[in-house]
Amino acid sequence: MRIINIHSPDIKQYQEFYTMPIIARFYGIIIKMFFIQSEHQPPHFHAIYGEYNAIFAIESLEMIEGDLPKRAYAFIAEWAQEHQQELLDMWNTQEFKQLPGLE
């Protein structure tokens, strides 16, 4: 468990992370996107799987930050490829919608 000092200047990043809208859920994976573009380039989404967190660039679908088990990475990569254009449209329009998970 990680303890966070709520008076720390870094608390804003944690508040933003936990208030990001959920875009999809599948196989225990949660996909989120934060909608303030000017502070968050390049276009990306966050993937959470248990204790693991990662950030994927939408345009390249590369994991640009974080760590994931290989199986979770494969599921996320497959899902992102199926929904790449929808993710990019959401990023550009700032219009939230939930996307289906993998079947």
PDB file of N, CA and C in Angstrom:
ATOM      1  N   MET A   1       0.849  -1.174   0.000  1.00  0.00           N
ATOM      2  CA  MET A   1       0.000   0.000   0.000  1.00  0.00           C
ATOM      3  C   MET A   1       0.891   1.232   0.000  1.00  0.00           C
ATOM      4  N   ARG A   2       0.490   2.228  -0.734  1.00  0.00           N
ATOM      5  CA  ARG A   2       1.252   3.474  -0.802  1.00  0.00           C
ATOM      6  C   ARG A   2       0.498   4.551  -0.035  1.00  0.00           C
ATOM      7  N   ILE A   3       1.187   5.247   0.850  1.00  0.00           N
ATOM      8  CA  ILE A   3       0.605   6.339   1.622  1.00  0.00           C
ATOM      9  C   ILE A   3       0.855   7.639   0.874  1.00  0.00           C
ATOM     10  N   ILE A   4      -0.180   8.453   0.729  1.00  0.00           N
ATOM     11  CA  ILE A   4      -0.067   9.725   0.019  1.00  0.00           C
ATOM     12  C   ILE A   4      -0.352  10.856   0.993  1.00  0.00           C
ATOM     13  N   ASN A   5       0.533  11.821   1.048  1.00  0.00           N
ATOM     14  CA  ASN A   5       0.334  13.013   1.865  1.00  0.00           C
ATOM     15  C   ASN A   5      -0.626  13.934   1.126  1.00  0.00           C
ATOM     16  N   ILE A   6      -1.827  14.131   1.668  1.00  0.00           N
ATOM     17  CA  ILE A   6      -2.828  14.935   0.960  1.00  0.00           C
ATOM     18  C   ILE A   6      -2.464  16.409   0.909  1.00  0.00           C
ATOM     19  N   HIS A   7      -1.445  16.814   1.634  1.00  0.00           N
ATOM     20  CA  HIS A   7      -1.007  18.208   1.610  1.00  0.00           C
ATOM     21  C   HIS A   7       0.175  18.414   0.655  1.00  0.00           C
ATOM     22  N   SER A   8       0.597  17.341   0.023  1.00  0.00           N
ATOM     23  CA  SER A   8       1.723  17.411  -0.907  1.00  0.00           C
ATOM     24  C   SER A   8       1.308  18.111  -2.196  1.00  0.00           C
ATOM     25  N   PRO A   9       2.232  18.863  -2.819  1.00  0.00           N
ATOM     26  CA  PRO A   9       1.907  19.483  -4.116  1.00  0.00           C
ATOM     27  C   PRO A   9       1.619  18.446  -5.198  1.00  0.00           C
ATOM     28  N   ASP A  10       2.099  17.209  -5.000  1.00  0.00           N
ATOM     29  CA  ASP A  10       1.878  16.156  -5.987  1.00  0.00           C
ATOM     30  C   ASP A  10       0.504  15.506  -5.876  1.00  0.00           C
ATOM     31  N   ILE A  11      -0.287  15.868  -4.880  1.00  0.00           N
ATOM     32  CA  ILE A  11      -1.588  15.222  -4.685  1.00  0.00           C
ATOM     33  C   ILE A  11      -2.501  15.416  -5.886  1.00  0.00           C
ATOM     34  N   LYS A  12      -2.357  16.525  -6.610  1.00  0.00           N
ATOM     35  CA  LYS A  12      -3.218  16.774  -7.767  1.00  0.00           C
ATOM     36  C   LYS A  12      -3.123  15.639  -8.783  1.00  0.00           C
ATOM     37  N   GLN A  13      -1.927  15.116  -9.032  1.00  0.00           N
ATOM     38  CA  GLN A  13      -1.792  14.037 -10.006  1.00  0.00           C
ATOM     39  C   GLN A  13      -2.556  12.794  -9.565  1.00  0.00           C
ATOM     40  N   TYR A  14      -2.589  12.510  -8.263  1.00  0.00           N
ATOM     41  CA  TYR A  14      -3.326  11.351  -7.778  1.00  0.00           C
ATOM     42  C   TYR A  14      -4.831  11.584  -7.869  1.00  0.00           C
ATOM     43  N   GLN A  15      -5.280  12.785  -7.550  1.00  0.00           N
ATOM     44  CA  GLN A  15      -6.700  13.107  -7.669  1.00  0.00           C
ATOM     45  C   GLN A  15      -7.145  12.970  -9.112  1.00  0.00           C
ATOM     46  N   GLU A  16      -6.350  13.461 -10.049  1.00  0.00           N
ATOM     47  CA  GLU A  16      -6.690  13.360 -11.465  1.00  0.00           C
ATOM     48  C   GLU A  16      -6.758  11.905 -11.895  1.00  0.00           C
ATOM     49  N   PHE A  17      -5.808  11.084 -11.448  1.00  0.00           N
ATOM     50  CA  PHE A  17      -5.773   9.680 -11.835  1.00  0.00           C
ATOM     51  C   PHE A  17      -7.035   8.960 -11.386  1.00  0.00           C
ATOM     52  N   TYR A  18      -7.459   9.199 -10.166  1.00  0.00           N
ATOM     53  CA  TYR A  18      -8.602   8.470  -9.633  1.00  0.00           C
ATOM     54  C   TYR A  18      -9.939   9.048 -10.077  1.00  0.00           C
ATOM     55  N   THR A  19      -9.967  10.204 -10.724  1.00  0.00           N
ATOM     56  CA  THR A  19     -11.214  10.757 -11.231  1.00  0.00           C
ATOM     57  C   THR A  19     -11.303  10.668 -12.747  1.00  0.00           C
ATOM     58  N   MET A  20     -10.360  10.009 -13.396  1.00  0.00           N
ATOM     59  CA  MET A  20     -10.430   9.837 -14.844  1.00  0.00           C
ATOM     60  C   MET A  20     -11.611   8.935 -15.174  1.00  0.00           C
ATOM     61  N   PRO A  21     -12.354   9.262 -16.243  1.00  0.00           N
ATOM     62  CA  PRO A  21     -13.462   8.388 -16.627  1.00  0.00           C
ATOM     63  C   PRO A  21     -12.965   7.019 -17.089  1.00  0.00           C
ATOM     64  N   ILE A  22     -13.738   6.000 -16.765  1.00  0.00           N
ATOM     65  CA  ILE A  22     -13.422   4.648 -17.210  1.00  0.00           C
ATOM     66  C   ILE A  22     -13.962   4.475 -18.622  1.00  0.00           C
ATOM     67  N   ILE A  23     -13.086   4.122 -19.539  1.00  0.00           N
ATOM     68  CA  ILE A  23     -13.435   3.928 -20.945  1.00  0.00           C
ATOM     69  C   ILE A  23     -13.876   2.487 -21.194  1.00  0.00           C
ATOM     70  N   ALA A  24     -13.196   1.525 -20.554  1.00  0.00           N
ATOM     71  CA  ALA A  24     -13.526   0.108 -20.758  1.00  0.00           C
ATOM     72  C   ALA A  24     -13.014  -0.716 -19.583  1.00  0.00           C
ATOM     73  N   ARG A  25     -13.626  -1.892 -19.428  1.00  0.00           N
ATOM     74  CA  ARG A  25     -13.193  -2.891 -18.442  1.00  0.00           C
ATOM     75  C   ARG A  25     -13.256  -4.257 -19.112  1.00  0.00           C
ATOM     76  N   PHE A  26     -12.199  -5.037 -18.937  1.00  0.00           N
ATOM     77  CA  PHE A  26     -12.199  -6.405 -19.455  1.00  0.00           C
ATOM     78  C   PHE A  26     -11.060  -7.182 -18.811  1.00  0.00           C
ATOM     79  N   TYR A  27     -11.316  -8.440 -18.485  1.00  0.00           N
ATOM     80  CA  TYR A  27     -10.311  -9.342 -17.915  1.00  0.00           C
ATOM     81  C   TYR A  27      -9.565  -8.730 -16.727  1.00  0.00           C
ATOM     82  N   GLY A  28     -10.258  -7.968 -15.906  1.00  0.00           N
ATOM     83  CA  GLY A  28      -9.630  -7.338 -14.752  1.00  0.00           C
ATOM     84  C   GLY A  28      -8.830  -6.092 -15.078  1.00  0.00           C
ATOM     85  N   ILE A  29      -8.877  -5.662 -16.322  1.00  0.00           N
ATOM     86  CA  ILE A  29      -8.140  -4.480 -16.785  1.00  0.00           C
ATOM     87  C   ILE A  29      -9.101  -3.303 -16.840  1.00  0.00           C
ATOM     88  N   ILE A  30      -8.653  -2.157 -16.384  1.00  0.00           N
ATOM     89  CA  ILE A  30      -9.446  -0.926 -16.452  1.00  0.00           C
ATOM     90  C   ILE A  30      -8.705   0.049 -17.357  1.00  0.00           C
ATOM     91  N   ILE A  31      -9.430   0.607 -18.316  1.00  0.00           N
ATOM     92  CA  ILE A  31      -8.869   1.595 -19.236  1.00  0.00           C
ATOM     93  C   ILE A  31      -9.476   2.945 -18.897  1.00  0.00           C
ATOM     94  N   LYS A  32      -8.622   3.952 -18.691  1.00  0.00           N
ATOM     95  CA  LYS A  32      -9.082   5.300 -18.355  1.00  0.00           C
ATOM     96  C   LYS A  32      -8.423   6.313 -19.280  1.00  0.00           C
ATOM     97  N   MET A  33      -9.076   7.474 -19.378  1.00  0.00           N
ATOM     98  CA  MET A  33      -8.499   8.563 -20.160  1.00  0.00           C
ATOM     99  C   MET A  33      -8.788   9.865 -19.425  1.00  0.00           C
ATOM    100  N   PHE A  34      -7.781  10.710 -19.349  1.00  0.00           N
ATOM    101  CA  PHE A  34      -7.944  12.016 -18.719  1.00  0.00           C
ATOM    102  C   PHE A  34      -8.092  13.034 -19.824  1.00  0.00           C
ATOM    103  N   PHE A  35      -9.042  13.936 -19.691  1.00  0.00           N
ATOM    104  CA  PHE A  35      -9.450  14.772 -20.809  1.00  0.00           C
ATOM    105  C   PHE A  35      -8.946  16.206 -20.783  1.00  0.00           C
ATOM    106  N   ILE A  36      -7.785  16.464 -20.231  1.00  0.00           N
ATOM    107  CA  ILE A  36      -7.214  17.806 -20.345  1.00  0.00           C
ATOM    108  C   ILE A  36      -5.984  17.674 -21.234  1.00  0.00           C
ATOM    109  N   GLN A  37      -6.183  17.884 -22.520  1.00  0.00           N
ATOM    110  CA  GLN A  37      -5.124  17.651 -23.499  1.00  0.00           C
ATOM    111  C   GLN A  37      -3.894  18.511 -23.287  1.00  0.00           C
ATOM    112  N   SER A  38      -4.089  19.780 -22.993  1.00  0.00           N
ATOM    113  CA  SER A  38      -2.955  20.698 -22.957  1.00  0.00           C
ATOM    114  C   SER A  38      -1.886  20.266 -21.962  1.00  0.00           C
ATOM    115  N   GLU A  39      -2.284  19.538 -20.931  1.00  0.00           N
ATOM    116  CA  GLU A  39      -1.327  19.102 -19.925  1.00  0.00           C
ATOM    117  C   GLU A  39      -0.880  17.659 -20.144  1.00  0.00           C
ATOM    118  N   HIS A  40      -1.459  16.979 -21.099  1.00  0.00           N
ATOM    119  CA  HIS A  40      -1.213  15.545 -21.234  1.00  0.00           C
ATOM    120  C   HIS A  40      -0.983  15.157 -22.691  1.00  0.00           C
ATOM    121  N   GLN A  41       0.155  15.486 -23.238  1.00  0.00           N
ATOM    122  CA  GLN A  41       0.493  15.086 -24.600  1.00  0.00           C
ATOM    123  C   GLN A  41       1.550  14.001 -24.526  1.00  0.00           C
ATOM    124  N   PRO A  42       1.701  13.114 -25.450  1.00  0.00           N
ATOM    125  CA  PRO A  42       0.878  12.894 -26.630  1.00  0.00           C
ATOM    126  C   PRO A  42      -0.440  12.225 -26.255  1.00  0.00           C
ATOM    127  N   PRO A  43      -1.382  12.106 -27.209  1.00  0.00           N
ATOM    128  CA  PRO A  43      -2.644  11.421 -26.908  1.00  0.00           C
ATOM    129  C   PRO A  43      -2.366  10.024 -26.348  1.00  0.00           C
ATOM    130  N   HIS A  44      -3.000   9.698 -25.229  1.00  0.00           N
ATOM    131  CA  HIS A  44      -2.710   8.435 -24.566  1.00  0.00           C
ATOM    132  C   HIS A  44      -3.884   7.988 -23.710  1.00  0.00           C
ATOM    133  N   PHE A  45      -3.815   6.748 -23.257  1.00  0.00           N
ATOM    134  CA  PHE A  45      -4.772   6.234 -22.276  1.00  0.00           C
ATOM    135  C   PHE A  45      -3.998   5.487 -21.200  1.00  0.00           C
ATOM    136  N   HIS A  46      -4.648   5.318 -20.070  1.00  0.00           N
ATOM    137  CA  HIS A  46      -4.063   4.630 -18.929  1.00  0.00           C
ATOM    138  C   HIS A  46      -4.683   3.244 -18.815  1.00  0.00           C
ATOM    139  N   ALA A  47      -3.869   2.255 -18.506  1.00  0.00           N
ATOM    140  CA  ALA A  47      -4.341   0.894 -18.282  1.00  0.00           C
ATOM    141  C   ALA A  47      -3.937   0.478 -16.872  1.00  0.00           C
ATOM    142  N   ILE A  48      -4.905  -0.025 -16.122  1.00  0.00           N
ATOM    143  CA  ILE A  48      -4.666  -0.460 -14.747  1.00  0.00           C
ATOM    144  C   ILE A  48      -5.027  -1.935 -14.655  1.00  0.00           C
ATOM    145  N   TYR A  49      -4.122  -2.718 -14.118  1.00  0.00           N
ATOM    146  CA  TYR A  49      -4.363  -4.144 -13.927  1.00  0.00           C
ATOM    147  C   TYR A  49      -3.797  -4.516 -12.564  1.00  0.00           C
ATOM    148  N   GLY A  50      -4.674  -4.643 -11.582  1.00  0.00           N
ATOM    149  CA  GLY A  50      -4.221  -4.922 -10.221  1.00  0.00           C
ATOM    150  C   GLY A  50      -3.280  -3.838  -9.743  1.00  0.00           C
ATOM    151  N   GLU A  51      -2.078  -4.227  -9.368  1.00  0.00           N
ATOM    152  CA  GLU A  51      -1.084  -3.272  -8.867  1.00  0.00           C
ATOM    153  C   GLU A  51      -0.277  -2.619  -9.988  1.00  0.00           C
ATOM    154  N   TYR A  52      -0.545  -2.992 -11.226  1.00  0.00           N
ATOM    155  CA  TYR A  52       0.212  -2.490 -12.372  1.00  0.00           C
ATOM    156  C   TYR A  52      -0.502  -1.318 -13.036  1.00  0.00           C
ATOM    157  N   ASN A  53       0.283  -0.365 -13.504  1.00  0.00           N
ATOM    158  CA  ASN A  53      -0.236   0.797 -14.228  1.00  0.00           C
ATOM    159  C   ASN A  53       0.649   1.042 -15.436  1.00  0.00           C
ATOM    160  N   ALA A  54       0.010   1.433 -16.535  1.00  0.00           N
ATOM    161  CA  ALA A  54       0.780   1.739 -17.741  1.00  0.00           C
ATOM    162  C   ALA A  54       0.070   2.825 -18.535  1.00  0.00           C
ATOM    163  N   ILE A  55       0.837   3.492 -19.368  1.00  0.00           N
ATOM    164  CA  ILE A  55       0.301   4.505 -20.274  1.00  0.00           C
ATOM    165  C   ILE A  55       0.654   4.073 -21.691  1.00  0.00           C
ATOM    166  N   PHE A  56      -0.356   4.106 -22.579  1.00  0.00           N
ATOM    167  CA  PHE A  56      -0.176   3.738 -23.978  1.00  0.00           C
ATOM    168  C   PHE A  56      -0.423   4.951 -24.857  1.00  0.00           C
ATOM    169  N   ALA A  57       0.470   5.206 -25.803  1.00  0.00           N
ATOM    170  CA  ALA A  57       0.258   6.245 -26.810  1.00  0.00           C
ATOM    171  C   ALA A  57      -0.807   5.735 -27.777  1.00  0.00           C
ATOM    172  N   ILE A  58      -1.789   6.567 -28.081  1.00  0.00           N
ATOM    173  CA  ILE A  58      -2.877   6.129 -28.957  1.00  0.00           C
ATOM    174  C   ILE A  58      -2.396   5.964 -30.394  1.00  0.00           C
ATOM    175  N   GLU A  59      -1.586   6.876 -30.879  1.00  0.00           N
ATOM    176  CA  GLU A  59      -1.186   6.827 -32.287  1.00  0.00           C
ATOM    177  C   GLU A  59      -0.270   5.644 -32.608  1.00  0.00           C
ATOM    178  N   SER A  60       0.678   5.344 -31.744  1.00  0.00           N
ATOM    179  CA  SER A  60       1.613   4.242 -32.003  1.00  0.00           C
ATOM    180  C   SER A  60       1.201   2.949 -31.307  1.00  0.00           C
ATOM    181  N   LEU A  61       0.318   3.050 -30.320  1.00  0.00           N
ATOM    182  CA  LEU A  61      -0.118   1.936 -29.470  1.00  0.00           C
ATOM    183  C   LEU A  61       1.026   1.336 -28.665  1.00  0.00           C
ATOM    184  N   GLU A  62       2.102   2.086 -28.501  1.00  0.00           N
ATOM    185  CA  GLU A  62       3.227   1.643 -27.683  1.00  0.00           C
ATOM    186  C   GLU A  62       2.976   1.973 -26.218  1.00  0.00           C
ATOM    187  N   MET A  63       3.471   1.108 -25.326  1.00  0.00           N
ATOM    188  CA  MET A  63       3.439   1.417 -23.911  1.00  0.00           C
ATOM    189  C   MET A  63       4.569   2.412 -23.664  1.00  0.00           C
ATOM    190  N   ILE A  64       4.221   3.633 -23.264  1.00  0.00           N
ATOM    191  CA  ILE A  64       5.234   4.680 -23.113  1.00  0.00           C
ATOM    192  C   ILE A  64       5.651   4.889 -21.664  1.00  0.00           C
ATOM    193  N   GLU A  65       4.933   4.258 -20.750  1.00  0.00           N
ATOM    194  CA  GLU A  65       5.293   4.381 -19.338  1.00  0.00           C
ATOM    195  C   GLU A  65       4.642   3.245 -18.578  1.00  0.00           C
ATOM    196  N   GLY A  66       5.311   2.777 -17.532  1.00  0.00           N
ATOM    197  CA  GLY A  66       4.723   1.789 -16.646  1.00  0.00           C
ATOM    198  C   GLY A  66       5.202   0.377 -16.900  1.00  0.00           C
ATOM    199  N   ASP A  67       4.458  -0.566 -16.315  1.00  0.00           N
ATOM    200  CA  ASP A  67       4.827  -1.968 -16.354  1.00  0.00           C
ATOM    201  C   ASP A  67       3.558  -2.807 -16.287  1.00  0.00           C
ATOM    202  N   LEU A  68       3.520  -3.884 -17.051  1.00  0.00           N
ATOM    203  CA  LEU A  68       2.379  -4.798 -17.067  1.00  0.00           C
ATOM    204  C   LEU A  68       2.870  -6.225 -17.257  1.00  0.00           C
ATOM    205  N   PRO A  69       2.132  -7.206 -16.735  1.00  0.00           N
ATOM    206  CA  PRO A  69       2.438  -8.589 -17.096  1.00  0.00           C
ATOM    207  C   PRO A  69       2.220  -8.783 -18.601  1.00  0.00           C
ATOM    208  N   LYS A  70       2.946  -9.726 -19.194  1.00  0.00           N
ATOM    209  CA  LYS A  70       2.874  -9.937 -20.649  1.00  0.00           C
ATOM    210  C   LYS A  70       1.452 -10.222 -21.127  1.00  0.00           C
ATOM    211  N   ARG A  71       0.724 -11.022 -20.379  1.00  0.00           N
ATOM    212  CA  ARG A  71      -0.640 -11.380 -20.804  1.00  0.00           C
ATOM    213  C   ARG A  71      -1.552 -10.156 -20.810  1.00  0.00           C
ATOM    214  N   ALA A  72      -1.493  -9.339 -19.764  1.00  0.00           N
ATOM    215  CA  ALA A  72      -2.306  -8.113 -19.711  1.00  0.00           C
ATOM    216  C   ALA A  72      -1.897  -7.172 -20.836  1.00  0.00           C
ATOM    217  N   TYR A  73      -0.599  -7.056 -21.082  1.00  0.00           N
ATOM    218  CA  TYR A  73      -0.115  -6.210 -22.181  1.00  0.00           C
ATOM    219  C   TYR A  73      -0.712  -6.671 -23.509  1.00  0.00           C
ATOM    220  N   ALA A  74      -0.722  -7.973 -23.750  1.00  0.00           N
ATOM    221  CA  ALA A  74      -1.255  -8.509 -25.008  1.00  0.00           C
ATOM    222  C   ALA A  74      -2.743  -8.197 -25.151  1.00  0.00           C
ATOM    223  N   PHE A  75      -3.508  -8.354 -24.066  1.00  0.00           N
ATOM    224  CA  PHE A  75      -4.940  -8.035 -24.116  1.00  0.00           C
ATOM    225  C   PHE A  75      -5.162  -6.556 -24.424  1.00  0.00           C
ATOM    226  N   ILE A  76      -4.410  -5.698 -23.760  1.00  0.00           N
ATOM    227  CA  ILE A  76      -4.570  -4.250 -23.954  1.00  0.00           C
ATOM    228  C   ILE A  76      -4.172  -3.857 -25.372  1.00  0.00           C
ATOM    229  N   ALA A  77      -3.082  -4.413 -25.871  1.00  0.00           N
ATOM    230  CA  ALA A  77      -2.637  -4.097 -27.231  1.00  0.00           C
ATOM    231  C   ALA A  77      -3.689  -4.517 -28.257  1.00  0.00           C
ATOM    232  N   GLU A  78      -4.271  -5.698 -28.072  1.00  0.00           N
ATOM    233  CA  GLU A  78      -5.320  -6.168 -28.984  1.00  0.00           C
ATOM    234  C   GLU A  78      -6.540  -5.251 -28.918  1.00  0.00           C
ATOM    235  N   TRP A  79      -6.972  -4.928 -27.695  1.00  0.00           N
ATOM    236  CA  TRP A  79      -8.132  -4.049 -27.510  1.00  0.00           C
ATOM    237  C   TRP A  79      -7.876  -2.674 -28.128  1.00  0.00           C
ATOM    238  N   ALA A  80      -6.707  -2.116 -27.880  1.00  0.00           N
ATOM    239  CA  ALA A  80      -6.388  -0.775 -28.381  1.00  0.00           C
ATOM    240  C   ALA A  80      -6.354  -0.746 -29.905  1.00  0.00           C
ATOM    241  N   GLN A  81      -5.862  -1.806 -30.505  1.00  0.00           N
ATOM    242  CA  GLN A  81      -5.832  -1.858 -31.968  1.00  0.00           C
ATOM    243  C   GLN A  81      -7.258  -1.848 -32.524  1.00  0.00           C
ATOM    244  N   GLU A  82      -8.168  -2.573 -31.881  1.00  0.00           N
ATOM    245  CA  GLU A  82      -9.567  -2.610 -32.313  1.00  0.00           C
ATOM    246  C   GLU A  82     -10.253  -1.255 -32.159  1.00  0.00           C
ATOM    247  N   HIS A  83      -9.836  -0.463 -31.180  1.00  0.00           N
ATOM    248  CA  HIS A  83     -10.531   0.786 -30.847  1.00  0.00           C
ATOM    249  C   HIS A  83      -9.667   2.028 -31.048  1.00  0.00           C
ATOM    250  N   GLN A  84      -8.590   1.905 -31.793  1.00  0.00           N
ATOM    251  CA  GLN A  84      -7.643   3.012 -31.944  1.00  0.00           C
ATOM    252  C   GLN A  84      -8.308   4.291 -32.453  1.00  0.00           C
ATOM    253  N   GLN A  85      -9.098   4.191 -33.503  1.00  0.00           N
ATOM    254  CA  GLN A  85      -9.718   5.395 -34.059  1.00  0.00           C
ATOM    255  C   GLN A  85     -10.711   6.013 -33.075  1.00  0.00           C
ATOM    256  N   GLU A  86     -11.472   5.173 -32.379  1.00  0.00           N
ATOM    257  CA  GLU A  86     -12.413   5.689 -31.381  1.00  0.00           C
ATOM    258  C   GLU A  86     -11.680   6.397 -30.242  1.00  0.00           C
ATOM    259  N   LEU A  87     -10.558   5.839 -29.817  1.00  0.00           N
ATOM    260  CA  LEU A  87      -9.762   6.469 -28.763  1.00  0.00           C
ATOM    261  C   LEU A  87      -9.229   7.824 -29.216  1.00  0.00           C
ATOM    262  N   LEU A  88      -8.719   7.873 -30.428  1.00  0.00           N
ATOM    263  CA  LEU A  88      -8.198   9.132 -30.958  1.00  0.00           C
ATOM    264  C   LEU A  88      -9.314  10.165 -31.112  1.00  0.00           C
ATOM    265  N   ASP A  89     -10.476   9.729 -31.587  1.00  0.00           N
ATOM    266  CA  ASP A  89     -11.625  10.637 -31.702  1.00  0.00           C
ATOM    267  C   ASP A  89     -12.022  11.186 -30.335  1.00  0.00           C
ATOM    268  N   MET A  90     -12.044  10.312 -29.314  1.00  0.00           N
ATOM    269  CA  MET A  90     -12.381  10.764 -27.958  1.00  0.00           C
ATOM    270  C   MET A  90     -11.371  11.791 -27.468  1.00  0.00           C
ATOM    271  N   TRP A  91     -10.097  11.512 -27.704  1.00  0.00           N
ATOM    272  CA  TRP A  91      -9.047  12.441 -27.269  1.00  0.00           C
ATOM    273  C   TRP A  91      -9.234  13.805 -27.931  1.00  0.00           C
ATOM    274  N   ASN A  92      -9.512  13.792 -29.236  1.00  0.00           N
ATOM    275  CA  ASN A  92      -9.617  15.040 -29.993  1.00  0.00           C
ATOM    276  C   ASN A  92     -10.896  15.821 -29.709  1.00  0.00           C
ATOM    277  N   THR A  93     -12.000  15.126 -29.482  1.00  0.00           N
ATOM    278  CA  THR A  93     -13.282  15.809 -29.262  1.00  0.00           C
ATOM    279  C   THR A  93     -13.566  16.059 -27.790  1.00  0.00           C
ATOM    280  N   GLN A  94     -12.859  15.336 -26.910  1.00  0.00           N
ATOM    281  CA  GLN A  94     -13.091  15.422 -25.468  1.00  0.00           C
ATOM    282  C   GLN A  94     -14.490  14.935 -25.099  1.00  0.00           C
ATOM    283  N   GLU A  95     -15.053  14.051 -25.918  1.00  0.00           N
ATOM    284  CA  GLU A  95     -16.371  13.476 -25.651  1.00  0.00           C
ATOM    285  C   GLU A  95     -16.194  12.046 -25.162  1.00  0.00           C
ATOM    286  N   PHE A  96     -16.549  11.827 -23.909  1.00  0.00           N
ATOM    287  CA  PHE A  96     -16.386  10.541 -23.252  1.00  0.00           C
ATOM    288  C   PHE A  96     -17.463   9.559 -23.692  1.00  0.00           C
ATOM    289  N   LYS A  97     -17.058   8.322 -23.938  1.00  0.00           N
ATOM    290  CA  LYS A  97     -18.014   7.230 -24.119  1.00  0.00           C
ATOM    291  C   LYS A  97     -17.321   5.939 -23.719  1.00  0.00           C
ATOM    292  N   GLN A  98     -18.112   5.000 -23.250  1.00  0.00           N
ATOM    293  CA  GLN A  98     -17.537   3.714 -22.892  1.00  0.00           C
ATOM    294  C   GLN A  98     -17.432   2.844 -24.133  1.00  0.00           C
ATOM    295  N   LEU A  99     -16.359   2.094 -24.197  1.00  0.00           N
ATOM    296  CA  LEU A  99     -16.111   1.188 -25.311  1.00  0.00           C
ATOM    297  C   LEU A  99     -16.219  -0.250 -24.813  1.00  0.00           C
ATOM    298  N   PRO A 100     -16.625  -1.167 -25.694  1.00  0.00           N
ATOM    299  CA  PRO A 100     -16.703  -2.568 -25.273  1.00  0.00           C
ATOM    300  C   PRO A 100     -15.308  -3.135 -25.017  1.00  0.00           C
ATOM    301  N   GLY A 101     -15.254  -4.116 -24.142  1.00  0.00           N
ATOM    302  CA  GLY A 101     -13.993  -4.793 -23.881  1.00  0.00           C
ATOM    303  C   GLY A 101     -13.743  -5.878 -24.910  1.00  0.00           C
ATOM    304  N   LEU A 102     -12.760  -6.701 -24.656  1.00  0.00           N
ATOM    305  CA  LEU A 102     -12.502  -7.848 -25.530  1.00  0.00           C
ATOM    306  C   LEU A 102     -13.534  -8.924 -25.251  1.00  0.00           C
ATOM    307  N   GLU A 103     -13.839  -9.682 -26.263  1.00  0.00           N
ATOM    308  CA  GLU A 103     -14.801 -10.779 -26.080  1.00  0.00           C
ATOM    309  C   GLU A 103     -14.131 -12.107 -26.259  1.00  0.00           C
TER     310      GLU A 103
END
